[in-house]
C-alpha atoms as a PDB file:
ATOM      1  CA  MET A   1      25.542 130.932  67.664  1.00  0.00           C
ATOM      2  CA  SER A   2      22.774 133.236  67.568  1.00  0.00           C
ATOM      3  CA  VAL A   3      19.127 132.934  68.848  1.00  0.00           C
ATOM      4  CA  VAL A   4      16.201 134.351  66.706  1.00  0.00           C
ATOM      5  CA  ALA A   5      12.850 135.327  67.964  1.00  0.00           C
ATOM      6  CA  VAL A   6      10.064 133.928  66.189  1.00  0.00           C
ATOM      7  CA  SER A   7       6.592 134.498  66.675  1.00  0.00           C
ATOM      8  CA  PRO A   8       3.985 131.491  66.665  1.00  0.00           C
ATOM      9  CA  GLU A   9       2.189 133.461  63.810  1.00  0.00           C
ATOM     10  CA  ASP A  10       5.425 132.621  61.449  1.00  0.00           C
ATOM     11  CA  PHE A  11       4.471 128.991  61.597  1.00  0.00           C
ATOM     12  CA  GLU A  12       1.643 127.386  59.736  1.00  0.00           C
ATOM     13  CA  PRO A  13      -0.486 124.604  61.425  1.00  0.00           C
ATOM     14  CA  TRP A  14       0.506 121.011  60.352  1.00  0.00           C
ATOM     15  CA  PRO A  15      -1.117 119.811  58.181  1.00  0.00           C
ATOM     16  CA  THR A  16      -1.690 122.704  55.900  1.00  0.00           C
ATOM     17  CA  ARG A  17      -2.095 120.918  52.480  1.00  0.00           C
ATOM     18  CA  SER A  18      -4.172 117.971  51.432  1.00  0.00           C
ATOM     19  CA  ALA A  19      -2.060 114.825  51.465  1.00  0.00           C
ATOM     20  CA  HIS A  20      -0.595 112.927  48.429  1.00  0.00           C
ATOM     21  CA  PRO A  21      -2.800 110.391  46.973  1.00  0.00           C
ATOM     22  CA  ALA A  22      -0.041 107.727  47.322  1.00  0.00           C
ATOM     23  CA  ASP A  23       0.149 108.697  51.130  1.00  0.00           C
ATOM     24  CA  GLN A  24      -3.717 108.620  51.210  1.00  0.00           C
ATOM     25  CA  ALA A  25      -3.584 105.017  49.900  1.00  0.00           C
ATOM     26  CA  GLN A  26      -0.558 104.048  52.430  1.00  0.00           C
ATOM     27  CA  ALA A  27      -2.565 105.349  55.003  1.00  0.00           C
ATOM     28  CA  ARG A  28      -5.932 103.604  54.391  1.00  0.00           C
ATOM     29  CA  ARG A  29      -3.658 100.255  54.097  1.00  0.00           C
ATOM     30  CA  PHE A  30      -2.012 101.332  57.523  1.00  0.00           C
ATOM     31  CA  GLU A  31      -5.537 101.814  58.902  1.00  0.00           C
ATOM     32  CA  GLU A  32      -6.573  98.350  58.133  1.00  0.00           C
ATOM     33  CA  ILE A  33      -3.641  96.462  59.353  1.00  0.00           C
ATOM     34  CA  LEU A  34      -3.759  98.448  62.750  1.00  0.00           C
ATOM     35  CA  ARG A  35      -7.795  97.641  62.578  1.00  0.00           C
ATOM     36  CA  LEU A  36      -6.889  93.896  62.107  1.00  0.00           C
ATOM     37  CA  GLU A  37      -4.428  94.335  64.869  1.00  0.00           C
ATOM     38  CA  LEU A  38      -7.159  96.233  67.242  1.00  0.00           C
ATOM     39  CA  ASP A  39      -9.593  93.290  66.655  1.00  0.00           C
ATOM     40  CA  GLU A  40      -6.695  90.329  67.453  1.00  0.00           C
ATOM     41  CA  LEU A  41      -5.857  92.402  70.642  1.00  0.00           C
ATOM     42  CA  GLU A  42      -9.441  92.476  72.006  1.00  0.00           C
ATOM     43  CA  ILE A  43     -10.096  88.860  71.232  1.00  0.00           C
ATOM     44  CA  LEU A  44      -6.700  88.077  73.247  1.00  0.00           C
ATOM     45  CA  ALA A  45      -7.858  90.461  75.864  1.00  0.00           C
ATOM     46  CA  ALA A  46     -11.181  88.594  76.472  1.00  0.00           C
ATOM     47  CA  ARG A  47      -9.246  85.366  76.291  1.00  0.00           C
ATOM     48  CA  THR A  48      -7.155  86.466  78.742  1.00  0.00           C
ATOM     49  CA  ARG A  49      -9.895  87.760  80.962  1.00  0.00           C
ATOM     50  CA  GLY A  50     -11.415  84.545  80.757  1.00  0.00           C
ATOM     51  CA  ALA A  51      -8.163  82.212  81.599  1.00  0.00           C
ATOM     52  CA  ARG A  52      -8.280  82.880  85.558  1.00  0.00           C
ATOM     53  CA  ALA A  53      -8.138  78.940  85.943  1.00  0.00           C
ATOM     54  CA  GLY A  54      -5.131  77.686  86.681  1.00  0.00           C
ATOM     55  CA  HIS A  55      -3.307  81.106  86.539  1.00  0.00           C
ATOM     56  CA  SER A  56      -1.901  83.458  88.928  1.00  0.00           C
ATOM     57  CA  GLU A  57      -3.896  86.522  89.365  1.00  0.00           C
ATOM     58  CA  ILE A  58      -0.869  88.604  89.343  1.00  0.00           C
ATOM     59  CA  ARG A  59       0.315  87.218  85.954  1.00  0.00           C
ATOM     60  CA  LEU A  60      -3.053  87.852  84.479  1.00  0.00           C
ATOM     61  CA  ARG A  61      -2.933  91.268  85.352  1.00  0.00           C
ATOM     62  CA  HIS A  62       0.470  91.630  84.149  1.00  0.00           C
ATOM     63  CA  ASP A  63      -0.467  90.254  80.782  1.00  0.00           C
ATOM     64  CA  MET A  64      -3.673  92.398  80.710  1.00  0.00           C
ATOM     65  CA  GLN A  65      -1.916  95.362  81.428  1.00  0.00           C
ATOM     66  CA  ARG A  66       0.787  94.754  78.554  1.00  0.00           C
ATOM     67  CA  ILE A  67      -2.374  94.040  76.379  1.00  0.00           C
ATOM     68  CA  ASN A  68      -4.276  97.185  77.371  1.00  0.00           C
ATOM     69  CA  ALA A  69      -1.223  99.372  76.822  1.00  0.00           C
ATOM     70  CA  ARG A  70      -0.791  97.925  73.243  1.00  0.00           C
ATOM     71  CA  ILE A  71      -4.576  98.267  72.595  1.00  0.00           C
ATOM     72  CA  ASN A  72      -4.204 101.945  73.625  1.00  0.00           C
ATOM     73  CA  GLU A  73      -1.102 102.406  71.308  1.00  0.00           C
ATOM     74  CA  VAL A  74      -2.987 101.171  68.362  1.00  0.00           C
ATOM     75  CA  ARG A  75      -5.999 103.319  69.026  1.00  0.00           C
ATOM     76  CA  GLY A  76      -3.567 106.298  69.489  1.00  0.00           C
ATOM     77  CA  LEU A  77      -2.049 105.606  65.944  1.00  0.00           C
ATOM     78  CA  LEU A  78      -5.376 105.142  64.240  1.00  0.00           C
ATOM     79  CA  ASP A  79      -6.440 108.497  66.137  1.00  0.00           C
ATOM     80  CA  ALA A  80      -3.413 110.090  64.393  1.00  0.00           C
ATOM     81  CA  LEU A  81      -3.868 108.674  61.275  1.00  0.00           C
ATOM     82  CA  GLN A  82      -7.561 109.614  61.133  1.00  0.00           C
ATOM     83  CA  ALA A  83      -6.735 113.240  62.264  1.00  0.00           C
ATOM     84  CA  ARG A  84      -4.291 113.414  59.429  1.00  0.00           C
ATOM     85  CA  PHE A  85      -5.656 111.834  56.514  1.00  0.00           C
ATOM     86  CA  SER A  86      -9.466 112.761  56.981  1.00  0.00           C
ATOM     87  CA  PRO A  87     -10.897 115.002  54.767  1.00  0.00           C
END
């Protein structure tokens, strides 16, 4: 095996060209789905915060951590889509 040195200038930053219209359409649909999921997760988070009566504090914290992790994941996906497909 041989190793060749390559300078960073040899690589073009991604993305270098506009996306195919079908990819843009798919990204818009995926964005819609992610936004709906984000709305549902935020509603679930609000309900979970309000459901303190009759539930252990540890369990509620654990549930909120999972919900917040998923919210952050969905927001990250939305950010990546917007970075890739925004004009």
